[in-house]
Amino acid sequence: MKHLILTSLVFGLLVVVAGTTTVSAKPLTKEEREAAVKYLKHTQKLFRDAVKGLSEEQLKWKPAPDKWSVFEVSEHIALAEGFLFDLINGGVMKADADATKTSAVSIETIMQKVPDRTQKFQAPEPIRPDKSPWTTMEATLEAFKIRRAKTISFVAKGNDDMRERFMMNPAFNAELDAYQWIIFLSAHTDRHVKQILEVKANPNFPKKKSSY
């Protein structure tokens, strides 16, 4: 319930700032910048809270042989943070700027559709848990913390033309601007926090807890 309330508050802020339809605000506004940073910090906290205090047994428990454990989901979140940021910084922001262009996808749609787990997707090979270099939750969380700080810094400082640079997003089969890609990145974290909560809600999830 707390997760839903906090997410709804942040969602409302972004919708008010960016609008529920296509947006042509150029360059990036102070309000848009602050809203995105708030959303990034919000989903970072959701992730940390979701895994806090879990034992090694709980972290490694899998609901089925072909399903991910909490630890594997966490590895995916941390890997995706770097993967998506590099795509934005090294791909979207390298595209030719076009101040006349807008996306057919709204901020509202991104924040609603990406965390919605009724539709499942296959994770790209580079961000699957078996590609993770980390062997502990502490190392995974630290890597994510460093990577998320880099993302937040990118949004908070400069890059005023984020609304003018676009790249195709396969999940929506439409072009998103760099700012929307940042919202997509944060929403991706929210999506997989929900996956962690699903694992924890499984009736067979180990009950005994001891802090890692």
Foldseek 3Di string as FASTA:
>chain_A
DVLVVVLVVLLVQQCVVQPQFKHLDAFDDPSLLVSLLVLLVSLLVLLCVLCFQADPLQQQDAPDPPGGGVVQLLQLLLQLLQVLVCCLVVPQLPADFDSVDIWRHGLSNLLPPQLDPPDDDDDPPCRGSVNGPDDDPVVSSVSSVVSSVVLSVVSNDDPRRQRGTWDQDVVVRIIDGSSSSSSNSSSNSSNSSVVSVVSVPPPPRDDDTGGD
